Amino acid sequence: MAPREDVQPRSPARRARAVELALTGAMDGRIVNIVDDAPTTVYEIASLVGSPIEPSAEPLTDPWMGRMDGSRSRALGFHPTVPTVYQAKQQGIL
């Protein structure tokens, strides 16, 4: 099964750690989310990359939609070398 091109780890540090783990065969036949240590909202990410989104007072129909679960990657031995997207931005690697 070929990996989906639209689902790739974003930072070079995460990509390197994810590739190391994948090369061991630990991810074979599994869907594995590569995430950092802090959940981040779409609003925060948009702001971090310079495209802020106007907030809305509308209630969310599913507040957990889009939240990635990294427990499988942690169980397989993945730990991010850069703990959060904020630190990645600060280091200029986002």
PDB file of N, CA and C in Angstrom:
ATOM      1  N   MET A   1       0.842  -1.168   0.000  1.00  0.00           N
ATOM      2  CA  MET A   1       0.000   0.000   0.000  1.00  0.00           C
ATOM      3  C   MET A   1       0.894   1.240   0.000  1.00  0.00           C
ATOM      4  N   ALA A   2       0.703   2.137  -0.943  1.00  0.00           N
ATOM      5  CA  ALA A   2       1.513   3.354  -1.044  1.00  0.00           C
ATOM      6  C   ALA A   2       1.033   4.379  -0.029  1.00  0.00           C
ATOM      7  N   PRO A   3       1.957   5.149   0.573  1.00  0.00           N
ATOM      8  CA  PRO A   3       1.542   6.169   1.530  1.00  0.00           C
ATOM      9  C   PRO A   3       0.798   7.294   0.827  1.00  0.00           C
ATOM     10  N   ARG A   4      -0.171   7.870   1.504  1.00  0.00           N
ATOM     11  CA  ARG A   4      -0.902   9.004   0.946  1.00  0.00           C
ATOM     12  C   ARG A   4       0.008  10.212   0.972  1.00  0.00           C
ATOM     13  N   GLU A   5       0.104  10.923  -0.156  1.00  0.00           N
ATOM     14  CA  GLU A   5       0.985  12.080  -0.235  1.00  0.00           C
ATOM     15  C   GLU A   5       0.476  13.243   0.592  1.00  0.00           C
ATOM     16  N   ASP A   6      -0.854  13.322   0.831  1.00  0.00           N
ATOM     17  CA  ASP A   6      -1.408  14.446   1.572  1.00  0.00           C
ATOM     18  C   ASP A   6      -1.294  14.272   3.079  1.00  0.00           C
ATOM     19  N   VAL A   7      -0.756  13.149   3.541  1.00  0.00           N
ATOM     20  CA  VAL A   7      -0.631  12.912   4.974  1.00  0.00           C
ATOM     21  C   VAL A   7       0.844  12.630   5.280  1.00  0.00           C
ATOM     22  N   GLN A   8       1.627  13.669   5.319  1.00  0.00           N
ATOM     23  CA  GLN A   8       3.050  13.556   5.587  1.00  0.00           C
ATOM     24  C   GLN A   8       3.399  14.411   6.798  1.00  0.00           C
ATOM     25  N   PRO A   9       4.341  13.977   7.637  1.00  0.00           N
ATOM     26  CA  PRO A   9       4.781  14.832   8.727  1.00  0.00           C
ATOM     27  C   PRO A   9       5.314  16.138   8.161  1.00  0.00           C
ATOM     28  N   ARG A  10       5.071  17.243   8.824  1.00  0.00           N
ATOM     29  CA  ARG A  10       5.378  18.546   8.263  1.00  0.00           C
ATOM     30  C   ARG A  10       6.800  19.032   8.520  1.00  0.00           C
ATOM     31  N   SER A  11       7.319  18.898   9.706  1.00  0.00           N
ATOM     32  CA  SER A  11       8.650  19.451   9.966  1.00  0.00           C
ATOM     33  C   SER A  11       9.725  18.433   9.618  1.00  0.00           C
ATOM     34  N   PRO A  12      10.907  18.902   9.182  1.00  0.00           N
ATOM     35  CA  PRO A  12      11.987  17.965   8.850  1.00  0.00           C
ATOM     36  C   PRO A  12      12.369  17.057  10.017  1.00  0.00           C
ATOM     37  N   ALA A  13      12.369  17.588  11.244  1.00  0.00           N
ATOM     38  CA  ALA A  13      12.740  16.775  12.404  1.00  0.00           C
ATOM     39  C   ALA A  13      11.745  15.638  12.616  1.00  0.00           C
ATOM     40  N   ARG A  14      10.446  15.939  12.521  1.00  0.00           N
ATOM     41  CA  ARG A  14       9.427  14.897  12.690  1.00  0.00           C
ATOM     42  C   ARG A  14       9.498  13.903  11.546  1.00  0.00           C
ATOM     43  N   ARG A  15       9.721  14.418  10.347  1.00  0.00           N
ATOM     44  CA  ARG A  15       9.795  13.537   9.184  1.00  0.00           C
ATOM     45  C   ARG A  15      10.946  12.551   9.360  1.00  0.00           C
ATOM     46  N   ALA A  16      12.101  13.015   9.827  1.00  0.00           N
ATOM     47  CA  ALA A  16      13.257  12.136  10.015  1.00  0.00           C
ATOM     48  C   ALA A  16      12.961  11.058  11.054  1.00  0.00           C
ATOM     49  N   ARG A  17      12.391  11.415  12.187  1.00  0.00           N
ATOM     50  CA  ARG A  17      12.063  10.440  13.222  1.00  0.00           C
ATOM     51  C   ARG A  17      11.008   9.459  12.720  1.00  0.00           C
ATOM     52  N   ALA A  18      10.017   9.954  11.990  1.00  0.00           N
ATOM     53  CA  ALA A  18       8.972   9.083  11.465  1.00  0.00           C
ATOM     54  C   ALA A  18       9.548   8.107  10.446  1.00  0.00           C
ATOM     55  N   VAL A  19      10.459   8.572   9.612  1.00  0.00           N
ATOM     56  CA  VAL A  19      11.091   7.700   8.614  1.00  0.00           C
ATOM     57  C   VAL A  19      11.923   6.630   9.314  1.00  0.00           C
ATOM     58  N   GLU A  20      12.685   7.021  10.327  1.00  0.00           N
ATOM     59  CA  GLU A  20      13.478   6.038  11.080  1.00  0.00           C
ATOM     60  C   GLU A  20      12.576   4.937  11.628  1.00  0.00           C
ATOM     61  N   LEU A  21      11.455   5.319  12.210  1.00  0.00           N
ATOM     62  CA  LEU A  21      10.521   4.355  12.772  1.00  0.00           C
ATOM     63  C   LEU A  21       9.901   3.487  11.671  1.00  0.00           C
ATOM     64  N   ALA A  22       9.536   4.107  10.558  1.00  0.00           N
ATOM     65  CA  ALA A  22       8.931   3.352   9.457  1.00  0.00           C
ATOM     66  C   ALA A  22       9.907   2.333   8.877  1.00  0.00           C
ATOM     67  N   LEU A  23      11.180   2.686   8.810  1.00  0.00           N
ATOM     68  CA  LEU A  23      12.169   1.772   8.240  1.00  0.00           C
ATOM     69  C   LEU A  23      12.374   0.513   9.078  1.00  0.00           C
ATOM     70  N   THR A  24      11.974   0.558  10.335  1.00  0.00           N
ATOM     71  CA  THR A  24      12.067  -0.648  11.164  1.00  0.00           C
ATOM     72  C   THR A  24      10.951  -1.639  10.839  1.00  0.00           C
ATOM     73  N   GLY A  25       9.927  -1.174  10.096  1.00  0.00           N
ATOM     74  CA  GLY A  25       8.783  -2.024   9.772  1.00  0.00           C
ATOM     75  C   GLY A  25       7.666  -1.918  10.795  1.00  0.00           C
ATOM     76  N   ALA A  26       7.867  -1.114  11.839  1.00  0.00           N
ATOM     77  CA  ALA A  26       6.873  -1.001  12.912  1.00  0.00           C
ATOM     78  C   ALA A  26       5.542  -0.431  12.433  1.00  0.00           C
ATOM     79  N   MET A  27       5.554   0.348  11.354  1.00  0.00           N
ATOM     80  CA  MET A  27       4.320   0.974  10.865  1.00  0.00           C
ATOM     81  C   MET A  27       3.645   0.160   9.770  1.00  0.00           C
ATOM     82  N   ASP A  28       4.254  -0.918   9.335  1.00  0.00           N
ATOM     83  CA  ASP A  28       3.718  -1.689   8.212  1.00  0.00           C
ATOM     84  C   ASP A  28       2.258  -2.072   8.434  1.00  0.00           C
ATOM     85  N   GLY A  29       1.411  -1.732   7.470  1.00  0.00           N
ATOM     86  CA  GLY A  29       0.006  -2.106   7.505  1.00  0.00           C
ATOM     87  C   GLY A  29      -0.829  -1.353   8.525  1.00  0.00           C
ATOM     88  N   ARG A  30      -0.307  -0.275   9.067  1.00  0.00           N
ATOM     89  CA  ARG A  30      -1.036   0.493  10.089  1.00  0.00           C
ATOM     90  C   ARG A  30      -1.158   1.941   9.669  1.00  0.00           C
ATOM     91  N   ILE A  31      -2.181   2.607  10.185  1.00  0.00           N
ATOM     92  CA  ILE A  31      -2.295   4.056  10.054  1.00  0.00           C
ATOM     93  C   ILE A  31      -1.692   4.632  11.320  1.00  0.00           C
ATOM     94  N   VAL A  32      -0.675   5.470  11.166  1.00  0.00           N
ATOM     95  CA  VAL A  32       0.040   6.024  12.313  1.00  0.00           C
ATOM     96  C   VAL A  32       0.078   7.544  12.180  1.00  0.00           C
ATOM     97  N   ASN A  33      -0.508   8.249  13.141  1.00  0.00           N
ATOM     98  CA  ASN A  33      -0.480   9.711  13.159  1.00  0.00           C
ATOM     99  C   ASN A  33       0.806  10.183  13.825  1.00  0.00           C
ATOM    100  N   ILE A  34       1.507  11.087  13.165  1.00  0.00           N
ATOM    101  CA  ILE A  34       2.725  11.671  13.724  1.00  0.00           C
ATOM    102  C   ILE A  34       2.346  13.061  14.227  1.00  0.00           C
ATOM    103  N   VAL A  35       2.387  13.231  15.540  1.00  0.00           N
ATOM    104  CA  VAL A  35       1.951  14.482  16.164  1.00  0.00           C
ATOM    105  C   VAL A  35       3.003  14.948  17.168  1.00  0.00           C
ATOM    106  N   ASP A  36       2.860  16.217  17.588  1.00  0.00           N
ATOM    107  CA  ASP A  36       3.777  16.711  18.614  1.00  0.00           C
ATOM    108  C   ASP A  36       3.119  16.620  19.989  1.00  0.00           C
ATOM    109  N   ASP A  37       3.714  17.263  20.988  1.00  0.00           N
ATOM    110  CA  ASP A  37       3.258  17.104  22.368  1.00  0.00           C
ATOM    111  C   ASP A  37       2.072  17.977  22.776  1.00  0.00           C
ATOM    112  N   ALA A  38       1.668  18.933  21.938  1.00  0.00           N
ATOM    113  CA  ALA A  38       0.592  19.838  22.338  1.00  0.00           C
ATOM    114  C   ALA A  38      -0.487  19.912  21.263  1.00  0.00           C
ATOM    115  N   PRO A  39      -1.738  19.634  21.615  1.00  0.00           N
ATOM    116  CA  PRO A  39      -2.815  19.808  20.642  1.00  0.00           C
ATOM    117  C   PRO A  39      -2.863  21.272  20.200  1.00  0.00           C
ATOM    118  N   THR A  40      -3.080  21.495  18.924  1.00  0.00           N
ATOM    119  CA  THR A  40      -3.099  22.852  18.375  1.00  0.00           C
ATOM    120  C   THR A  40      -4.345  23.010  17.517  1.00  0.00           C
ATOM    121  N   THR A  41      -5.050  24.118  17.696  1.00  0.00           N
ATOM    122  CA  THR A  41      -6.264  24.353  16.919  1.00  0.00           C
ATOM    123  C   THR A  41      -5.921  24.874  15.532  1.00  0.00           C
ATOM    124  N   VAL A  42      -6.889  24.768  14.632  1.00  0.00           N
ATOM    125  CA  VAL A  42      -6.726  25.313  13.283  1.00  0.00           C
ATOM    126  C   VAL A  42      -6.489  26.819  13.367  1.00  0.00           C
ATOM    127  N   TYR A  43      -7.163  27.481  14.295  1.00  0.00           N
ATOM    128  CA  TYR A  43      -6.980  28.924  14.468  1.00  0.00           C
ATOM    129  C   TYR A  43      -5.531  29.248  14.835  1.00  0.00           C
ATOM    130  N   GLU A  44      -4.950  28.463  15.737  1.00  0.00           N
ATOM    131  CA  GLU A  44      -3.559  28.687  16.134  1.00  0.00           C
ATOM    132  C   GLU A  44      -2.597  28.441  14.988  1.00  0.00           C
ATOM    133  N   ILE A  45      -2.802  27.356  14.257  1.00  0.00           N
ATOM    134  CA  ILE A  45      -1.919  27.033  13.136  1.00  0.00           C
ATOM    135  C   ILE A  45      -2.003  28.115  12.062  1.00  0.00           C
ATOM    136  N   ALA A  46      -3.225  28.542  11.741  1.00  0.00           N
ATOM    137  CA  ALA A  46      -3.397  29.593  10.736  1.00  0.00           C
ATOM    138  C   ALA A  46      -2.670  30.863  11.157  1.00  0.00           C
ATOM    139  N   SER A  47      -2.767  31.208  12.418  1.00  0.00           N
ATOM    140  CA  SER A  47      -2.075  32.394  12.933  1.00  0.00           C
ATOM    141  C   SER A  47      -0.563  32.229  12.867  1.00  0.00           C
ATOM    142  N   LEU A  48      -0.072  31.053  13.210  1.00  0.00           N
ATOM    143  CA  LEU A  48       1.369  30.790  13.183  1.00  0.00           C
ATOM    144  C   LEU A  48       1.972  30.942  11.794  1.00  0.00           C
ATOM    145  N   VAL A  49       1.213  30.594  10.757  1.00  0.00           N
ATOM    146  CA  VAL A  49       1.738  30.688   9.400  1.00  0.00           C
ATOM    147  C   VAL A  49       1.360  31.995   8.717  1.00  0.00           C
ATOM    148  N   GLY A  50       0.805  32.937   9.496  1.00  0.00           N
ATOM    149  CA  GLY A  50       0.530  34.269   8.967  1.00  0.00           C
ATOM    150  C   GLY A  50      -0.779  34.437   8.236  1.00  0.00           C
ATOM    151  N   SER A  51      -1.740  33.536   8.431  1.00  0.00           N
ATOM    152  CA  SER A  51      -3.057  33.629   7.792  1.00  0.00           C
ATOM    153  C   SER A  51      -4.153  33.442   8.830  1.00  0.00           C
ATOM    154  N   PRO A  52      -4.276  34.379   9.768  1.00  0.00           N
ATOM    155  CA  PRO A  52      -5.267  34.207  10.833  1.00  0.00           C
ATOM    156  C   PRO A  52      -6.691  34.067  10.287  1.00  0.00           C
ATOM    157  N   ILE A  53      -7.489  33.279  10.996  1.00  0.00           N
ATOM    158  CA  ILE A  53      -8.891  33.051  10.652  1.00  0.00           C
ATOM    159  C   ILE A  53      -9.736  33.841  11.646  1.00  0.00           C
ATOM    160  N   GLU A  54     -10.744  34.497  11.127  1.00  0.00           N
ATOM    161  CA  GLU A  54     -11.654  35.227  12.007  1.00  0.00           C
ATOM    162  C   GLU A  54     -12.394  34.245  12.914  1.00  0.00           C
ATOM    163  N   PRO A  55     -12.391  34.484  14.232  1.00  0.00           N
ATOM    164  CA  PRO A  55     -13.126  33.582  15.123  1.00  0.00           C
ATOM    165  C   PRO A  55     -14.630  33.706  14.911  1.00  0.00           C
ATOM    166  N   SER A  56     -15.347  32.675  15.320  1.00  0.00           N
ATOM    167  CA  SER A  56     -16.796  32.645  15.175  1.00  0.00           C
ATOM    168  C   SER A  56     -17.430  32.290  16.514  1.00  0.00           C
ATOM    169  N   ALA A  57     -18.620  32.833  16.746  1.00  0.00           N
ATOM    170  CA  ALA A  57     -19.368  32.517  17.964  1.00  0.00           C
ATOM    171  C   ALA A  57     -20.251  31.287  17.772  1.00  0.00           C
ATOM    172  N   GLU A  58     -20.298  30.743  16.548  1.00  0.00           N
ATOM    173  CA  GLU A  58     -21.104  29.556  16.268  1.00  0.00           C
ATOM    174  C   GLU A  58     -20.562  28.364  17.052  1.00  0.00           C
ATOM    175  N   PRO A  59     -21.429  27.587  17.688  1.00  0.00           N
ATOM    176  CA  PRO A  59     -20.949  26.391  18.395  1.00  0.00           C
ATOM    177  C   PRO A  59     -20.445  25.336  17.401  1.00  0.00           C
ATOM    178  N   LEU A  60     -19.463  24.587  17.813  1.00  0.00           N
ATOM    179  CA  LEU A  60     -18.918  23.529  16.969  1.00  0.00           C
ATOM    180  C   LEU A  60     -19.832  22.320  17.005  1.00  0.00           C
ATOM    181  N   THR A  61     -20.076  21.719  15.844  1.00  0.00           N
ATOM    182  CA  THR A  61     -20.917  20.522  15.814  1.00  0.00           C
ATOM    183  C   THR A  61     -20.156  19.326  16.369  1.00  0.00           C
ATOM    184  N   ASP A  62     -18.858  19.275  16.155  1.00  0.00           N
ATOM    185  CA  ASP A  62     -18.020  18.198  16.684  1.00  0.00           C
ATOM    186  C   ASP A  62     -16.677  18.795  17.091  1.00  0.00           C
ATOM    187  N   PRO A  63     -16.535  19.185  18.365  1.00  0.00           N
ATOM    188  CA  PRO A  63     -15.303  19.853  18.781  1.00  0.00           C
ATOM    189  C   PRO A  63     -14.051  18.979  18.689  1.00  0.00           C
ATOM    190  N   TRP A  64     -14.200  17.677  18.561  1.00  0.00           N
ATOM    191  CA  TRP A  64     -13.042  16.786  18.467  1.00  0.00           C
ATOM    192  C   TRP A  64     -12.659  16.479  17.030  1.00  0.00           C
ATOM    193  N   MET A  65     -13.450  16.933  16.057  1.00  0.00           N
ATOM    194  CA  MET A  65     -13.152  16.670  14.656  1.00  0.00           C
ATOM    195  C   MET A  65     -11.776  17.232  14.289  1.00  0.00           C
ATOM    196  N   GLY A  66     -10.962  16.412  13.670  1.00  0.00           N
ATOM    197  CA  GLY A  66      -9.654  16.863  13.237  1.00  0.00           C
ATOM    198  C   GLY A  66      -8.548  16.704  14.267  1.00  0.00           C
ATOM    199  N   ARG A  67      -8.892  16.320  15.494  1.00  0.00           N
ATOM    200  CA  ARG A  67      -7.862  16.116  16.519  1.00  0.00           C
ATOM    201  C   ARG A  67      -7.186  14.783  16.256  1.00  0.00           C
ATOM    202  N   MET A  68      -5.881  14.809  16.159  1.00  0.00           N
ATOM    203  CA  MET A  68      -5.117  13.607  15.840  1.00  0.00           C
ATOM    204  C   MET A  68      -4.734  12.878  17.124  1.00  0.00           C
ATOM    205  N   ASP A  69      -4.830  11.568  17.089  1.00  0.00           N
ATOM    206  CA  ASP A  69      -4.442  10.735  18.222  1.00  0.00           C
ATOM    207  C   ASP A  69      -3.068  10.141  17.931  1.00  0.00           C
ATOM    208  N   GLY A  70      -2.077  10.530  18.715  1.00  0.00           N
ATOM    209  CA  GLY A  70      -0.720  10.052  18.507  1.00  0.00           C
ATOM    210  C   GLY A  70      -0.332   8.879  19.383  1.00  0.00           C
ATOM    211  N   SER A  71      -1.298   8.234  20.020  1.00  0.00           N
ATOM    212  CA  SER A  71      -0.966   7.155  20.958  1.00  0.00           C
ATOM    213  C   SER A  71      -0.303   5.959  20.263  1.00  0.00           C
ATOM    214  N   ARG A  72      -0.707   5.652  19.037  1.00  0.00           N
ATOM    215  CA  ARG A  72      -0.090   4.516  18.344  1.00  0.00           C
ATOM    216  C   ARG A  72       1.384   4.801  18.038  1.00  0.00           C
ATOM    217  N   SER A  73       1.690   6.007  17.554  1.00  0.00           N
ATOM    218  CA  SER A  73       3.094   6.321  17.257  1.00  0.00           C
ATOM    219  C   SER A  73       3.933   6.307  18.533  1.00  0.00           C
ATOM    220  N   ARG A  74       3.365   6.764  19.650  1.00  0.00           N
ATOM    221  CA  ARG A  74       4.091   6.731  20.927  1.00  0.00           C
ATOM    222  C   ARG A  74       4.337   5.282  21.359  1.00  0.00           C
ATOM    223  N   ALA A  75       3.319   4.440  21.195  1.00  0.00           N
ATOM    224  CA  ALA A  75       3.467   3.028  21.571  1.00  0.00           C
ATOM    225  C   ALA A  75       4.524   2.325  20.720  1.00  0.00           C
ATOM    226  N   LEU A  76       4.707   2.803  19.492  1.00  0.00           N
ATOM    227  CA  LEU A  76       5.714   2.228  18.598  1.00  0.00           C
ATOM    228  C   LEU A  76       7.110   2.803  18.827  1.00  0.00           C
ATOM    229  N   GLY A  77       7.196   3.803  19.714  1.00  0.00           N
ATOM    230  CA  GLY A  77       8.504   4.362  20.035  1.00  0.00           C
ATOM    231  C   GLY A  77       8.793   5.740  19.482  1.00  0.00           C
ATOM    232  N   PHE A  78       7.817   6.390  18.818  1.00  0.00           N
ATOM    233  CA  PHE A  78       8.039   7.734  18.285  1.00  0.00           C
ATOM    234  C   PHE A  78       7.935   8.768  19.396  1.00  0.00           C
ATOM    235  N   HIS A  79       8.889   9.664  19.435  1.00  0.00           N
ATOM    236  CA  HIS A  79       8.850  10.836  20.308  1.00  0.00           C
ATOM    237  C   HIS A  79       9.396  12.002  19.502  1.00  0.00           C
ATOM    238  N   PRO A  80       8.668  13.120  19.439  1.00  0.00           N
ATOM    239  CA  PRO A  80       9.119  14.226  18.603  1.00  0.00           C
ATOM    240  C   PRO A  80      10.431  14.823  19.104  1.00  0.00           C
ATOM    241  N   THR A  81      11.282  15.197  18.168  1.00  0.00           N
ATOM    242  CA  THR A  81      12.529  15.868  18.551  1.00  0.00           C
ATOM    243  C   THR A  81      12.279  17.342  18.836  1.00  0.00           C
ATOM    244  N   VAL A  82      11.197  17.885  18.295  1.00  0.00           N
ATOM    245  CA  VAL A  82      10.754  19.247  18.593  1.00  0.00           C
ATOM    246  C   VAL A  82       9.380  19.095  19.235  1.00  0.00           C
ATOM    247  N   PRO A  83       9.245  19.450  20.525  1.00  0.00           N
ATOM    248  CA  PRO A  83       8.024  19.131  21.264  1.00  0.00           C
ATOM    249  C   PRO A  83       6.728  19.768  20.751  1.00  0.00           C
ATOM    250  N   THR A  84       6.776  21.001  20.239  1.00  0.00           N
ATOM    251  CA  THR A  84       5.537  21.657  19.826  1.00  0.00           C
ATOM    252  C   THR A  84       5.738  22.463  18.550  1.00  0.00           C
ATOM    253  N   VAL A  85       4.622  22.770  17.904  1.00  0.00           N
ATOM    254  CA  VAL A  85       4.658  23.587  16.693  1.00  0.00           C
ATOM    255  C   VAL A  85       5.154  24.995  17.032  1.00  0.00           C
ATOM    256  N   TYR A  86       4.881  25.463  18.248  1.00  0.00           N
ATOM    257  CA  TYR A  86       5.362  26.788  18.661  1.00  0.00           C
ATOM    258  C   TYR A  86       6.887  26.809  18.744  1.00  0.00           C
ATOM    259  N   GLN A  87       7.470  25.747  19.250  1.00  0.00           N
ATOM    260  CA  GLN A  87       8.927  25.658  19.319  1.00  0.00           C
ATOM    261  C   GLN A  87       9.514  25.546  17.913  1.00  0.00           C
ATOM    262  N   ALA A  88       8.858  24.817  17.027  1.00  0.00           N
ATOM    263  CA  ALA A  88       9.316  24.700  15.648  1.00  0.00           C
ATOM    264  C   ALA A  88       9.330  26.075  14.972  1.00  0.00           C
ATOM    265  N   LYS A  89       8.274  26.855  15.226  1.00  0.00           N
ATOM    266  CA  LYS A  89       8.220  28.223  14.668  1.00  0.00           C
ATOM    267  C   LYS A  89       9.367  29.055  15.221  1.00  0.00           C
ATOM    268  N   GLN A  90       9.584  28.972  16.522  1.00  0.00           N
ATOM    269  CA  GLN A  90      10.652  29.728  17.168  1.00  0.00           C
ATOM    270  C   GLN A  90      12.013  29.353  16.604  1.00  0.00           C
ATOM    271  N   GLN A  91      12.224  28.083  16.277  1.00  0.00           N
ATOM    272  CA  GLN A  91      13.493  27.619  15.734  1.00  0.00           C
ATOM    273  C   GLN A  91      13.612  27.828  14.228  1.00  0.00           C
ATOM    274  N   GLY A  92      12.542  28.316  13.596  1.00  0.00           N
ATOM    275  CA  GLY A  92      12.578  28.573  12.170  1.00  0.00           C
ATOM    276  C   GLY A  92      12.499  27.325  11.299  1.00  0.00           C
ATOM    277  N   ILE A  93      11.917  26.242  11.822  1.00  0.00           N
ATOM    278  CA  ILE A  93      11.829  25.004  11.052  1.00  0.00           C
ATOM    279  C   ILE A  93      10.397  24.626  10.706  1.00  0.00           C
ATOM    280  N   LEU A  94       9.473  25.541  10.922  1.00  0.00           N
ATOM    281  CA  LEU A  94       8.068  25.265  10.617  1.00  0.00           C
ATOM    282  C   LEU A  94       7.804  25.456   9.143  1.00  0.00           C
TER     283      LEU A  94
END
